[in-house]
Amino acid sequence: MNKKAQRRLVVTGGIVAIAMLVVAAIAGSGGAASSLSVGDLLAGGYTGKKVQVTGSVVADSIQSEGASVQFAITPEEGDGSQELLVTYDGALPATFGTGVVAICTGTVEDPLMLNCTEMVTKCPSKYESAEGSLTVKGLLDQAESMVGKETKVCGYIDGEVNDAQASYRFAIESQGALLNVVYEGGLDEAMTDGTAVVLSGHLDEDGNFVATEQPSIDSSISK
């Protein structure tokens, strides 16, 4: 083999070797995440590693910082004494909120927190009959005497369902009247425009209905 052919072989071999190293690095960085409990992660030793952690969103822990959302999760069956801080830059699903079980995948950072890049939420479905509840118009017709008073109201979701950081979650309509609903918890993913719902809560001084329990789908009617 002449020197020119040898040089060509060496160069080709070097290119192949570099390509293999690049492929290996990419494959390594996109490896499967280790599935851990909140307690496992809090015990330490996972900084810089890709992990998946499941936990319930802690009440009053959700905060917006520009396009990023920060919240805490705690073990589903725990006593609430263990909390893991999570940051997330993606669009929040409508089912996200206080008490919802969030499956968070991301990288562990120092100081200890999870930089979440993928999130899936689980929220139990709740169905209930509208029997005994007020219509939106019926509630608003007596609004002055109903402020702060616990009651039930039913109606159809009118328009878009917002995430937990919005000023109101969705609006409901019945008998031509419209009412904005405030709720920080998770919603059943089946709740979309036109869904019949039953809400427990009260009117606030601004005329919004503050739901104090997970809004439920009215199992007795469909639009």
N, C-alpha and C. Protein backbone atom coordinates (compact mmCIF):
# COMPACT_ATOMS: atom_id res chain seq x y z
N MET A 1 0.86 -1.19 0.00
CA MET A 1 0.00 0.00 0.00
C MET A 1 0.89 1.24 0.00
N ASN A 2 0.65 2.20 -0.93
CA ASN A 2 1.47 3.39 -0.97
C ASN A 2 1.11 4.36 0.15
N LYS A 3 1.98 5.38 0.35
CA LYS A 3 1.79 6.31 1.46
C LYS A 3 0.50 7.11 1.33
N LYS A 4 0.13 7.46 0.11
CA LYS A 4 -1.10 8.23 -0.09
C LYS A 4 -2.32 7.45 0.35
N ALA A 5 -2.36 6.17 0.01
CA ALA A 5 -3.48 5.31 0.41
C ALA A 5 -3.50 5.12 1.92
N GLN A 6 -2.29 5.03 2.52
CA GLN A 6 -2.22 4.88 3.97
C GLN A 6 -2.79 6.10 4.69
N ARG A 7 -2.38 7.28 4.17
CA ARG A 7 -2.89 8.52 4.78
C ARG A 7 -4.40 8.60 4.67
N ARG A 8 -4.94 8.22 3.49
CA ARG A 8 -6.38 8.23 3.29
C ARG A 8 -7.08 7.29 4.26
N LEU A 9 -6.47 6.13 4.50
CA LEU A 9 -7.05 5.15 5.42
C LEU A 9 -7.03 5.69 6.86
N VAL A 10 -5.94 6.35 7.23
CA VAL A 10 -5.83 6.91 8.59
C VAL A 10 -6.88 8.00 8.80
N VAL A 11 -7.03 8.89 7.82
CA VAL A 11 -8.01 9.98 7.92
C VAL A 11 -9.42 9.43 8.01
N THR A 12 -9.72 8.46 7.17
CA THR A 12 -11.05 7.85 7.18
C THR A 12 -11.33 7.20 8.52
N GLY A 13 -10.34 6.46 9.04
CA GLY A 13 -10.50 5.81 10.33
C GLY A 13 -10.73 6.81 11.44
N GLY A 14 -10.01 7.94 11.37
CA GLY A 14 -10.19 8.98 12.39
C GLY A 14 -11.58 9.58 12.35
N ILE A 15 -12.10 9.83 11.16
CA ILE A 15 -13.46 10.38 11.01
C ILE A 15 -14.49 9.43 11.58
N VAL A 16 -14.31 8.13 11.27
CA VAL A 16 -15.25 7.12 11.78
C VAL A 16 -15.21 7.08 13.31
N ALA A 17 -14.02 7.14 13.88
CA ALA A 17 -13.87 7.08 15.34
C ALA A 17 -14.54 8.28 15.99
N ILE A 18 -14.33 9.48 15.43
CA ILE A 18 -14.95 10.69 15.98
C ILE A 18 -16.47 10.60 15.90
N ALA A 19 -16.97 10.11 14.76
CA ALA A 19 -18.42 9.98 14.58
C ALA A 19 -19.01 9.03 15.62
N MET A 20 -18.28 7.94 15.89
CA MET A 20 -18.77 6.98 16.88
C MET A 20 -18.80 7.60 18.27
N LEU A 21 -17.81 8.42 18.61
CA LEU A 21 -17.77 9.09 19.91
C LEU A 21 -18.94 10.06 20.04
N VAL A 22 -19.23 10.80 18.97
CA VAL A 22 -20.35 11.76 18.99
C VAL A 22 -21.67 11.03 19.19
N VAL A 23 -21.88 9.93 18.46
CA VAL A 23 -23.11 9.14 18.58
C VAL A 23 -23.25 8.61 20.00
N ALA A 24 -22.15 8.12 20.56
CA ALA A 24 -22.18 7.57 21.92
C ALA A 24 -22.53 8.66 22.93
N ALA A 25 -21.99 9.87 22.73
CA ALA A 25 -22.27 10.97 23.66
C ALA A 25 -23.73 11.36 23.60
N ILE A 26 -24.28 11.42 22.37
CA ILE A 26 -25.69 11.79 22.20
C ILE A 26 -26.58 10.73 22.83
N ALA A 27 -26.26 9.47 22.58
CA ALA A 27 -27.06 8.38 23.15
C ALA A 27 -27.00 8.40 24.66
N GLY A 28 -25.83 8.71 25.21
CA GLY A 28 -25.70 8.75 26.66
C GLY A 28 -26.49 9.87 27.28
N SER A 29 -26.51 11.05 26.63
CA SER A 29 -27.24 12.20 27.20
C SER A 29 -28.73 12.01 27.13
N GLY A 30 -29.21 11.15 26.21
CA GLY A 30 -30.66 10.96 26.07
C GLY A 30 -31.13 9.66 26.67
N GLY A 31 -30.33 9.12 27.58
CA GLY A 31 -30.68 7.84 28.18
C GLY A 31 -31.94 7.92 29.02
N ALA A 32 -32.43 6.74 29.36
CA ALA A 32 -33.66 6.67 30.15
C ALA A 32 -33.44 7.25 31.54
N ALA A 33 -34.47 7.90 32.07
CA ALA A 33 -34.40 8.51 33.38
C ALA A 33 -34.62 7.46 34.46
N SER A 34 -33.88 7.60 35.57
CA SER A 34 -34.08 6.71 36.71
C SER A 34 -35.35 7.12 37.43
N SER A 35 -36.20 6.16 37.76
CA SER A 35 -37.45 6.44 38.46
C SER A 35 -37.18 6.42 39.97
N LEU A 36 -37.42 7.57 40.62
CA LEU A 36 -37.12 7.72 42.05
C LEU A 36 -38.33 8.24 42.79
N SER A 37 -38.34 8.01 44.09
CA SER A 37 -39.34 8.63 44.96
C SER A 37 -38.82 9.98 45.40
N VAL A 38 -39.69 10.81 45.95
CA VAL A 38 -39.25 12.11 46.47
C VAL A 38 -38.20 11.89 47.55
N GLY A 39 -38.42 10.93 48.42
CA GLY A 39 -37.48 10.64 49.49
C GLY A 39 -36.12 10.22 48.98
N ASP A 40 -36.10 9.38 47.93
CA ASP A 40 -34.83 8.94 47.33
C ASP A 40 -34.02 10.14 46.87
N LEU A 41 -34.69 11.06 46.17
CA LEU A 41 -33.99 12.20 45.60
C LEU A 41 -33.48 13.14 46.69
N LEU A 42 -34.30 13.34 47.72
CA LEU A 42 -33.90 14.23 48.80
C LEU A 42 -32.71 13.67 49.58
N ALA A 43 -32.51 12.35 49.51
CA ALA A 43 -31.38 11.73 50.21
C ALA A 43 -30.04 12.12 49.59
N GLY A 44 -30.07 12.64 48.35
CA GLY A 44 -28.86 13.14 47.72
C GLY A 44 -28.17 12.12 46.83
N GLY A 45 -27.13 12.61 46.13
CA GLY A 45 -26.34 11.74 45.28
C GLY A 45 -26.78 11.68 43.83
N TYR A 46 -27.73 12.54 43.42
CA TYR A 46 -28.24 12.47 42.05
C TYR A 46 -28.00 13.74 41.24
N THR A 47 -27.21 14.67 41.76
CA THR A 47 -26.94 15.92 41.06
C THR A 47 -26.40 15.67 39.66
N GLY A 48 -27.02 16.33 38.66
CA GLY A 48 -26.59 16.19 37.28
C GLY A 48 -27.19 15.01 36.55
N LYS A 49 -27.95 14.17 37.25
CA LYS A 49 -28.53 12.98 36.63
C LYS A 49 -29.97 13.22 36.18
N LYS A 50 -30.38 12.48 35.15
CA LYS A 50 -31.75 12.56 34.65
C LYS A 50 -32.61 11.58 35.43
N VAL A 51 -33.70 12.09 36.03
CA VAL A 51 -34.54 11.25 36.88
C VAL A 51 -36.01 11.52 36.59
N GLN A 52 -36.86 10.63 37.06
CA GLN A 52 -38.31 10.81 37.00
C GLN A 52 -38.85 10.64 38.41
N VAL A 53 -39.59 11.65 38.87
CA VAL A 53 -40.11 11.65 40.24
C VAL A 53 -41.61 11.93 40.20
N THR A 54 -42.36 11.19 41.00
CA THR A 54 -43.81 11.36 41.08
C THR A 54 -44.20 11.86 42.46
N GLY A 55 -45.09 12.86 42.49
CA GLY A 55 -45.55 13.37 43.78
C GLY A 55 -46.76 14.27 43.62
N SER A 56 -47.39 14.60 44.74
CA SER A 56 -48.56 15.48 44.74
C SER A 56 -48.12 16.94 44.84
N VAL A 57 -48.74 17.82 44.06
CA VAL A 57 -48.40 19.24 44.08
C VAL A 57 -48.85 19.85 45.41
N VAL A 58 -47.93 20.50 46.10
CA VAL A 58 -48.19 21.07 47.42
C VAL A 58 -49.02 22.34 47.31
N ALA A 59 -50.01 22.47 48.20
CA ALA A 59 -50.87 23.65 48.22
C ALA A 59 -50.05 24.92 48.43
N ASP A 60 -50.41 25.98 47.71
CA ASP A 60 -49.79 27.31 47.81
C ASP A 60 -48.32 27.34 47.42
N SER A 61 -47.85 26.31 46.70
CA SER A 61 -46.44 26.28 46.31
C SER A 61 -46.22 26.73 44.87
N ILE A 62 -47.28 26.91 44.10
CA ILE A 62 -47.16 27.24 42.67
C ILE A 62 -46.86 28.72 42.49
N GLN A 63 -45.72 29.02 41.85
CA GLN A 63 -45.31 30.40 41.61
C GLN A 63 -44.80 30.55 40.19
N SER A 64 -45.19 31.66 39.55
CA SER A 64 -44.72 31.95 38.20
C SER A 64 -43.54 32.91 38.26
N GLU A 65 -42.51 32.60 37.46
CA GLU A 65 -41.35 33.47 37.34
C GLU A 65 -41.07 33.65 35.86
N GLY A 66 -41.70 34.64 35.25
CA GLY A 66 -41.61 34.81 33.81
C GLY A 66 -42.30 33.66 33.11
N ALA A 67 -41.58 32.99 32.21
CA ALA A 67 -42.16 31.86 31.49
C ALA A 67 -42.03 30.56 32.28
N SER A 68 -41.34 30.62 33.42
CA SER A 68 -41.11 29.42 34.22
C SER A 68 -42.09 29.33 35.38
N VAL A 69 -42.43 28.11 35.75
CA VAL A 69 -43.31 27.85 36.90
C VAL A 69 -42.52 27.03 37.91
N GLN A 70 -42.65 27.41 39.16
CA GLN A 70 -41.98 26.70 40.24
C GLN A 70 -43.02 26.18 41.22
N PHE A 71 -42.86 24.95 41.65
CA PHE A 71 -43.79 24.36 42.61
C PHE A 71 -43.09 23.26 43.39
N ALA A 72 -43.75 22.73 44.39
CA ALA A 72 -43.18 21.65 45.19
C ALA A 72 -44.08 20.42 45.09
N ILE A 73 -43.46 19.25 45.18
CA ILE A 73 -44.23 18.01 45.23
C ILE A 73 -43.85 17.24 46.49
N THR A 74 -44.77 16.45 46.98
CA THR A 74 -44.57 15.65 48.18
C THR A 74 -45.05 14.23 47.88
N PRO A 75 -44.55 13.21 48.58
CA PRO A 75 -45.00 11.84 48.30
C PRO A 75 -46.52 11.71 48.38
N GLU A 76 -47.09 10.94 47.44
CA GLU A 76 -48.55 10.79 47.38
C GLU A 76 -49.14 10.29 48.70
N GLU A 77 -48.49 9.31 49.30
CA GLU A 77 -49.01 8.71 50.52
C GLU A 77 -48.26 9.18 51.76
N GLY A 78 -47.48 10.25 51.63
CA GLY A 78 -46.68 10.72 52.75
C GLY A 78 -47.44 11.65 53.69
N ASP A 79 -46.73 12.14 54.70
CA ASP A 79 -47.35 13.04 55.68
C ASP A 79 -47.11 14.51 55.35
N GLY A 80 -46.51 14.77 54.19
CA GLY A 80 -46.27 16.15 53.78
C GLY A 80 -44.98 16.74 54.31
N SER A 81 -44.19 15.96 55.06
CA SER A 81 -42.96 16.49 55.64
C SER A 81 -41.82 16.55 54.63
N GLN A 82 -41.90 15.79 53.55
CA GLN A 82 -40.87 15.80 52.51
C GLN A 82 -41.39 16.56 51.29
N GLU A 83 -40.63 17.56 50.87
CA GLU A 83 -41.01 18.35 49.71
C GLU A 83 -39.83 18.53 48.77
N LEU A 84 -40.09 18.40 47.48
CA LEU A 84 -39.06 18.59 46.46
C LEU A 84 -39.44 19.78 45.59
N LEU A 85 -38.52 20.72 45.44
CA LEU A 85 -38.76 21.89 44.60
C LEU A 85 -38.57 21.51 43.13
N VAL A 86 -39.52 21.95 42.28
CA VAL A 86 -39.49 21.64 40.85
C VAL A 86 -39.64 22.92 40.05
N THR A 87 -38.86 23.08 39.00
CA THR A 87 -39.06 24.18 38.05
C THR A 87 -39.43 23.58 36.71
N TYR A 88 -40.32 24.28 35.98
CA TYR A 88 -40.80 23.76 34.70
C TYR A 88 -41.05 24.92 33.75
N ASP A 89 -40.53 24.81 32.52
CA ASP A 89 -40.66 25.89 31.54
C ASP A 89 -41.69 25.62 30.45
N GLY A 90 -42.29 24.45 30.46
CA GLY A 90 -43.25 24.12 29.41
C GLY A 90 -44.64 24.66 29.70
N ALA A 91 -45.55 24.43 28.75
CA ALA A 91 -46.94 24.84 28.92
C ALA A 91 -47.62 23.93 29.94
N LEU A 92 -48.29 24.51 30.91
CA LEU A 92 -48.96 23.72 31.94
C LEU A 92 -50.23 23.08 31.39
N PRO A 93 -50.43 21.80 31.63
CA PRO A 93 -51.69 21.17 31.22
C PRO A 93 -52.84 21.68 32.06
N ALA A 94 -54.05 21.65 31.53
CA ALA A 94 -55.22 22.15 32.27
C ALA A 94 -55.45 21.34 33.54
N THR A 95 -54.98 20.10 33.55
CA THR A 95 -55.19 19.25 34.73
C THR A 95 -54.26 19.58 35.88
N PHE A 96 -53.26 20.44 35.65
CA PHE A 96 -52.28 20.76 36.68
C PHE A 96 -52.87 21.69 37.74
N GLY A 97 -52.54 21.44 39.00
CA GLY A 97 -52.99 22.30 40.08
C GLY A 97 -52.71 21.67 41.43
N THR A 98 -53.10 22.36 42.49
CA THR A 98 -52.89 21.88 43.85
C THR A 98 -53.48 20.48 44.05
N GLY A 99 -52.70 19.60 44.65
CA GLY A 99 -53.18 18.26 44.97
C GLY A 99 -53.08 17.26 43.84
N VAL A 100 -52.76 17.72 42.64
CA VAL A 100 -52.66 16.82 41.49
C VAL A 100 -51.37 16.02 41.57
N VAL A 101 -51.41 14.78 41.13
CA VAL A 101 -50.21 13.95 41.08
C VAL A 101 -49.46 14.28 39.79
N ALA A 102 -48.22 14.75 39.93
CA ALA A 102 -47.40 15.14 38.78
C ALA A 102 -46.24 14.17 38.62
N ILE A 103 -46.05 13.67 37.40
CA ILE A 103 -44.92 12.81 37.08
C ILE A 103 -43.90 13.69 36.36
N CYS A 104 -42.80 14.02 37.03
CA CYS A 104 -41.85 15.01 36.55
C CYS A 104 -40.54 14.34 36.13
N THR A 105 -40.10 14.63 34.91
CA THR A 105 -38.84 14.09 34.40
C THR A 105 -37.90 15.25 34.08
N GLY A 106 -36.68 15.16 34.58
CA GLY A 106 -35.74 16.23 34.33
C GLY A 106 -34.39 15.95 34.97
N THR A 107 -33.60 17.02 35.14
CA THR A 107 -32.24 16.90 35.67
C THR A 107 -32.16 17.50 37.07
N VAL A 108 -31.46 16.80 37.96
CA VAL A 108 -31.29 17.27 39.33
C VAL A 108 -30.19 18.33 39.37
N GLU A 109 -30.49 19.46 40.01
CA GLU A 109 -29.54 20.56 40.08
C GLU A 109 -29.10 20.80 41.53
N ASP A 110 -28.03 21.59 41.67
CA ASP A 110 -27.51 21.98 42.97
C ASP A 110 -27.56 23.50 43.07
N PRO A 111 -28.21 24.08 44.12
CA PRO A 111 -28.85 23.42 45.27
C PRO A 111 -30.02 22.54 44.82
N LEU A 112 -30.36 21.57 45.67
CA LEU A 112 -31.25 20.48 45.30
C LEU A 112 -32.60 20.95 44.78
N MET A 113 -32.84 20.68 43.52
CA MET A 113 -34.13 20.94 42.88
C MET A 113 -34.16 20.15 41.58
N LEU A 114 -35.36 19.96 41.03
CA LEU A 114 -35.51 19.23 39.78
C LEU A 114 -35.86 20.20 38.66
N ASN A 115 -35.00 20.28 37.66
CA ASN A 115 -35.28 21.08 36.47
C ASN A 115 -36.06 20.19 35.52
N CYS A 116 -37.39 20.29 35.58
CA CYS A 116 -38.29 19.41 34.86
C CYS A 116 -38.44 19.83 33.39
N THR A 117 -38.27 18.89 32.49
CA THR A 117 -38.44 19.16 31.06
C THR A 117 -39.66 18.45 30.48
N GLU A 118 -40.16 17.44 31.20
CA GLU A 118 -41.36 16.73 30.77
C GLU A 118 -42.25 16.51 31.99
N MET A 119 -43.55 16.76 31.83
CA MET A 119 -44.45 16.55 32.95
C MET A 119 -45.78 15.97 32.48
N VAL A 120 -46.25 14.98 33.21
CA VAL A 120 -47.56 14.37 32.98
C VAL A 120 -48.31 14.45 34.29
N THR A 121 -49.59 14.80 34.24
CA THR A 121 -50.37 14.90 35.46
C THR A 121 -51.46 13.84 35.50
N LYS A 122 -51.79 13.41 36.70
CA LYS A 122 -52.87 12.45 36.91
C LYS A 122 -53.87 13.10 37.86
N CYS A 123 -55.11 13.17 37.44
CA CYS A 123 -56.13 13.74 38.30
C CYS A 123 -57.36 12.85 38.26
N PRO A 124 -57.85 12.40 39.40
CA PRO A 124 -59.01 11.50 39.38
C PRO A 124 -60.25 12.18 38.82
N SER A 125 -61.00 11.43 38.03
CA SER A 125 -62.25 11.96 37.50
C SER A 125 -63.29 12.04 38.61
N LYS A 126 -64.20 13.00 38.48
CA LYS A 126 -65.26 13.15 39.47
C LYS A 126 -66.55 13.47 38.74
N TYR A 127 -67.56 12.65 38.96
CA TYR A 127 -68.85 12.86 38.33
C TYR A 127 -69.90 13.06 39.41
N GLU A 128 -70.85 13.93 39.13
CA GLU A 128 -71.86 14.26 40.13
C GLU A 128 -73.12 14.76 39.43
N SER A 129 -74.27 14.53 40.03
CA SER A 129 -75.52 15.03 39.47
C SER A 129 -75.70 16.49 39.84
N ALA A 130 -76.35 17.26 38.94
CA ALA A 130 -76.60 18.68 39.19
C ALA A 130 -77.81 18.91 40.09
N GLU A 131 -78.45 17.84 40.49
CA GLU A 131 -79.65 17.99 41.32
C GLU A 131 -79.33 18.78 42.60
N GLY A 132 -80.16 19.77 42.88
CA GLY A 132 -79.99 20.58 44.08
C GLY A 132 -79.09 21.78 43.91
N SER A 133 -78.52 21.97 42.71
CA SER A 133 -77.64 23.11 42.47
C SER A 133 -78.38 24.23 41.76
N LEU A 134 -77.84 25.45 41.85
CA LEU A 134 -78.42 26.60 41.18
C LEU A 134 -77.89 26.71 39.75
N THR A 135 -78.67 27.31 38.87
CA THR A 135 -78.14 27.67 37.56
C THR A 135 -77.33 28.95 37.74
N VAL A 136 -76.53 29.30 36.72
CA VAL A 136 -75.76 30.54 36.80
C VAL A 136 -76.67 31.74 36.98
N LYS A 137 -77.74 31.79 36.19
CA LYS A 137 -78.67 32.92 36.29
C LYS A 137 -79.33 32.95 37.68
N GLY A 138 -79.71 31.77 38.17
CA GLY A 138 -80.34 31.70 39.47
C GLY A 138 -79.42 32.21 40.57
N LEU A 139 -78.13 31.93 40.45
CA LEU A 139 -77.16 32.39 41.44
C LEU A 139 -76.95 33.90 41.33
N LEU A 140 -76.77 34.39 40.09
CA LEU A 140 -76.50 35.82 39.90
C LEU A 140 -77.70 36.70 40.22
N ASP A 141 -78.90 36.16 40.09
CA ASP A 141 -80.10 36.93 40.42
C ASP A 141 -80.17 37.28 41.91
N GLN A 142 -79.49 36.50 42.72
CA GLN A 142 -79.46 36.76 44.16
C GLN A 142 -78.01 36.95 44.65
N ALA A 143 -77.20 37.54 43.78
CA ALA A 143 -75.76 37.65 44.04
C ALA A 143 -75.44 38.37 45.35
N GLU A 144 -76.15 39.46 45.67
CA GLU A 144 -75.83 40.24 46.86
C GLU A 144 -75.93 39.41 48.13
N SER A 145 -76.89 38.54 48.19
CA SER A 145 -77.08 37.74 49.40
C SER A 145 -76.27 36.44 49.38
N MET A 146 -75.61 36.16 48.24
CA MET A 146 -74.89 34.90 48.11
C MET A 146 -73.37 35.05 48.24
N VAL A 147 -72.86 36.28 48.35
CA VAL A 147 -71.41 36.48 48.47
C VAL A 147 -70.89 35.79 49.74
N GLY A 148 -69.92 34.90 49.55
CA GLY A 148 -69.31 34.20 50.68
C GLY A 148 -70.10 33.02 51.20
N LYS A 149 -71.27 32.76 50.64
CA LYS A 149 -72.12 31.67 51.11
C LYS A 149 -71.89 30.41 50.29
N GLU A 150 -71.59 29.31 50.97
CA GLU A 150 -71.33 28.06 50.27
C GLU A 150 -72.58 27.56 49.55
N THR A 151 -72.42 27.20 48.28
CA THR A 151 -73.54 26.73 47.48
C THR A 151 -73.03 25.88 46.33
N LYS A 152 -73.92 25.38 45.51
CA LYS A 152 -73.56 24.62 44.32
C LYS A 152 -74.20 25.28 43.11
N VAL A 153 -73.45 25.31 42.01
CA VAL A 153 -73.96 25.90 40.78
C VAL A 153 -73.60 24.98 39.62
N CYS A 154 -74.47 24.96 38.61
CA CYS A 154 -74.20 24.11 37.44
C CYS A 154 -74.28 24.94 36.17
N GLY A 155 -73.61 24.48 35.14
CA GLY A 155 -73.63 25.16 33.85
C GLY A 155 -72.73 24.46 32.87
N TYR A 156 -72.58 25.05 31.69
CA TYR A 156 -71.72 24.48 30.66
C TYR A 156 -70.45 25.33 30.55
N ILE A 157 -69.30 24.66 30.43
CA ILE A 157 -68.06 25.40 30.21
C ILE A 157 -68.16 26.15 28.90
N ASP A 158 -67.86 27.44 28.97
CA ASP A 158 -67.99 28.31 27.80
C ASP A 158 -66.60 28.80 27.38
N GLY A 159 -66.05 28.22 26.33
CA GLY A 159 -64.75 28.66 25.84
C GLY A 159 -63.59 27.86 26.39
N GLU A 160 -62.44 28.50 26.45
CA GLU A 160 -61.19 27.84 26.79
C GLU A 160 -61.07 27.55 28.29
N VAL A 161 -60.40 26.45 28.60
CA VAL A 161 -60.05 26.12 29.98
C VAL A 161 -58.60 26.56 30.19
N ASN A 162 -58.37 27.45 31.15
CA ASN A 162 -57.05 28.02 31.39
C ASN A 162 -56.25 27.18 32.38
N ASP A 163 -54.94 27.48 32.48
CA ASP A 163 -54.12 26.76 33.45
C ASP A 163 -54.28 27.38 34.84
N ALA A 164 -53.62 26.76 35.82
CA ALA A 164 -53.82 27.15 37.22
C ALA A 164 -53.28 28.54 37.55
N GLN A 165 -52.49 29.13 36.67
CA GLN A 165 -51.91 30.45 36.93
C GLN A 165 -52.77 31.60 36.41
N ALA A 166 -53.82 31.29 35.66
CA ALA A 166 -54.68 32.33 35.09
C ALA A 166 -55.56 32.97 36.17
N SER A 167 -56.07 34.16 35.88
CA SER A 167 -56.91 34.87 36.85
C SER A 167 -58.21 34.13 37.11
N TYR A 168 -58.69 33.38 36.13
CA TYR A 168 -59.82 32.47 36.35
C TYR A 168 -59.62 31.24 35.48
N ARG A 169 -60.19 30.11 35.91
CA ARG A 169 -59.91 28.83 35.25
C ARG A 169 -60.74 28.65 34.00
N PHE A 170 -62.04 28.95 34.09
CA PHE A 170 -62.92 28.87 32.93
C PHE A 170 -64.21 29.61 33.27
N ALA A 171 -65.05 29.78 32.28
CA ALA A 171 -66.36 30.40 32.49
C ALA A 171 -67.43 29.35 32.26
N ILE A 172 -68.53 29.46 33.01
CA ILE A 172 -69.67 28.57 32.77
C ILE A 172 -70.88 29.41 32.39
N GLU A 173 -71.77 28.80 31.63
CA GLU A 173 -72.96 29.51 31.13
C GLU A 173 -74.19 28.64 31.33
N SER A 174 -75.28 29.28 31.73
CA SER A 174 -76.59 28.62 31.73
C SER A 174 -77.67 29.69 31.76
N GLN A 175 -78.74 29.45 31.05
CA GLN A 175 -79.86 30.39 30.93
C GLN A 175 -79.41 31.77 30.47
N GLY A 176 -78.40 31.81 29.63
CA GLY A 176 -77.93 33.07 29.06
C GLY A 176 -77.02 33.88 29.95
N ALA A 177 -76.71 33.40 31.15
CA ALA A 177 -75.83 34.11 32.07
C ALA A 177 -74.45 33.45 32.10
N LEU A 178 -73.41 34.26 32.35
CA LEU A 178 -72.04 33.79 32.31
C LEU A 178 -71.36 34.07 33.65
N LEU A 179 -70.52 33.12 34.09
CA LEU A 179 -69.87 33.24 35.39
C LEU A 179 -68.44 32.71 35.28
N ASN A 180 -67.47 33.54 35.73
CA ASN A 180 -66.07 33.11 35.76
C ASN A 180 -65.81 32.27 37.00
N VAL A 181 -65.05 31.19 36.83
CA VAL A 181 -64.78 30.26 37.92
C VAL A 181 -63.29 30.30 38.27
N VAL A 182 -63.00 30.50 39.55
CA VAL A 182 -61.63 30.51 40.06
C VAL A 182 -61.37 29.18 40.77
N TYR A 183 -60.28 28.50 40.39
CA TYR A 183 -59.94 27.22 41.03
C TYR A 183 -58.47 26.94 40.79
N GLU A 184 -57.73 26.60 41.86
CA GLU A 184 -56.29 26.38 41.75
C GLU A 184 -55.91 24.92 41.61
N GLY A 185 -56.84 24.01 41.81
CA GLY A 185 -56.52 22.58 41.78
C GLY A 185 -56.54 22.00 40.38
N GLY A 186 -56.43 20.68 40.30
CA GLY A 186 -56.43 20.00 39.01
C GLY A 186 -57.83 19.76 38.50
N LEU A 187 -57.92 19.64 37.19
CA LEU A 187 -59.21 19.40 36.54
C LEU A 187 -59.18 18.08 35.77
N ASP A 188 -60.33 17.46 35.65
CA ASP A 188 -60.46 16.29 34.80
C ASP A 188 -60.18 16.72 33.36
N GLU A 189 -59.34 15.96 32.66
CA GLU A 189 -58.98 16.33 31.29
C GLU A 189 -60.17 16.31 30.34
N ALA A 190 -61.29 15.71 30.76
CA ALA A 190 -62.49 15.69 29.91
C ALA A 190 -63.23 17.01 29.96
N MET A 191 -62.83 17.92 30.84
CA MET A 191 -63.52 19.21 30.96
C MET A 191 -63.03 20.16 29.87
N THR A 192 -63.86 20.34 28.86
CA THR A 192 -63.54 21.21 27.74
C THR A 192 -64.77 22.05 27.41
N ASP A 193 -64.65 22.88 26.40
CA ASP A 193 -65.76 23.73 25.98
C ASP A 193 -67.03 22.90 25.75
N GLY A 194 -68.12 23.29 26.41
CA GLY A 194 -69.40 22.61 26.25
C GLY A 194 -69.69 21.54 27.27
N THR A 195 -68.72 21.20 28.13
CA THR A 195 -68.94 20.17 29.14
C THR A 195 -69.85 20.69 30.25
N ALA A 196 -70.85 19.89 30.65
CA ALA A 196 -71.73 20.26 31.76
C ALA A 196 -71.01 19.95 33.08
N VAL A 197 -70.95 20.94 33.98
CA VAL A 197 -70.21 20.77 35.23
C VAL A 197 -71.06 21.21 36.42
N VAL A 198 -70.69 20.67 37.58
CA VAL A 198 -71.29 21.05 38.85
C VAL A 198 -70.17 21.56 39.75
N LEU A 199 -70.38 22.71 40.38
CA LEU A 199 -69.34 23.33 41.19
C LEU A 199 -69.83 23.58 42.61
N SER A 200 -68.97 23.33 43.57
CA SER A 200 -69.24 23.67 44.96
C SER A 200 -68.30 24.80 45.36
N GLY A 201 -68.84 25.83 46.01
CA GLY A 201 -68.01 26.97 46.39
C GLY A 201 -68.85 28.16 46.76
N HIS A 202 -68.34 29.36 46.44
CA HIS A 202 -69.07 30.58 46.81
C HIS A 202 -68.71 31.73 45.87
N LEU A 203 -69.58 32.70 45.80
CA LEU A 203 -69.30 33.94 45.06
C LEU A 203 -68.36 34.81 45.88
N ASP A 204 -67.39 35.46 45.20
CA ASP A 204 -66.57 36.44 45.91
C ASP A 204 -67.08 37.85 45.61
N GLU A 205 -66.47 38.84 46.21
CA GLU A 205 -66.95 40.21 46.07
C GLU A 205 -66.77 40.77 44.66
N ASP A 206 -65.92 40.12 43.86
CA ASP A 206 -65.70 40.57 42.47
C ASP A 206 -66.65 39.90 41.49
N GLY A 207 -67.55 39.06 42.00
CA GLY A 207 -68.51 38.40 41.13
C GLY A 207 -68.02 37.11 40.51
N ASN A 208 -66.85 36.60 40.97
CA ASN A 208 -66.35 35.31 40.49
C ASN A 208 -66.85 34.20 41.40
N PHE A 209 -66.95 33.00 40.86
CA PHE A 209 -67.31 31.85 41.70
C PHE A 209 -66.03 31.14 42.07
N VAL A 210 -65.74 31.05 43.36
CA VAL A 210 -64.53 30.40 43.85
C VAL A 210 -64.87 28.96 44.21
N ALA A 211 -64.40 28.02 43.40
CA ALA A 211 -64.68 26.60 43.64
C ALA A 211 -63.79 26.11 44.77
N THR A 212 -64.37 25.47 45.76
CA THR A 212 -63.62 24.98 46.92
C THR A 212 -63.39 23.47 46.85
N GLU A 213 -63.98 22.81 45.87
CA GLU A 213 -63.76 21.39 45.64
C GLU A 213 -63.48 21.19 44.16
N GLN A 214 -62.92 20.03 43.82
CA GLN A 214 -62.66 19.74 42.41
C GLN A 214 -63.96 19.80 41.62
N PRO A 215 -64.04 20.67 40.59
CA PRO A 215 -65.24 20.72 39.76
C PRO A 215 -65.55 19.33 39.18
N SER A 216 -66.82 18.99 39.15
CA SER A 216 -67.21 17.67 38.67
C SER A 216 -68.03 17.77 37.39
N ILE A 217 -67.98 16.71 36.62
CA ILE A 217 -68.77 16.63 35.40
C ILE A 217 -70.17 16.19 35.76
N ASP A 218 -71.17 16.86 35.20
CA ASP A 218 -72.56 16.50 35.48
C ASP A 218 -72.89 15.22 34.71
N SER A 219 -73.08 14.15 35.47
CA SER A 219 -73.31 12.84 34.84
C SER A 219 -74.74 12.67 34.33
N SER A 220 -75.61 13.64 34.60
CA SER A 220 -77.02 13.42 34.26
C SER A 220 -77.42 14.03 32.92
N ILE A 221 -76.58 14.96 32.39
CA ILE A 221 -76.97 15.63 31.15
C ILE A 221 -75.77 15.77 30.24
N SER A 222 -76.02 16.01 28.97
CA SER A 222 -74.99 16.33 28.00
C SER A 222 -75.53 17.39 27.06
N LYS A 223 -74.65 18.23 26.56
CA LYS A 223 -75.09 19.35 25.73
C LYS A 223 -75.31 18.90 24.29
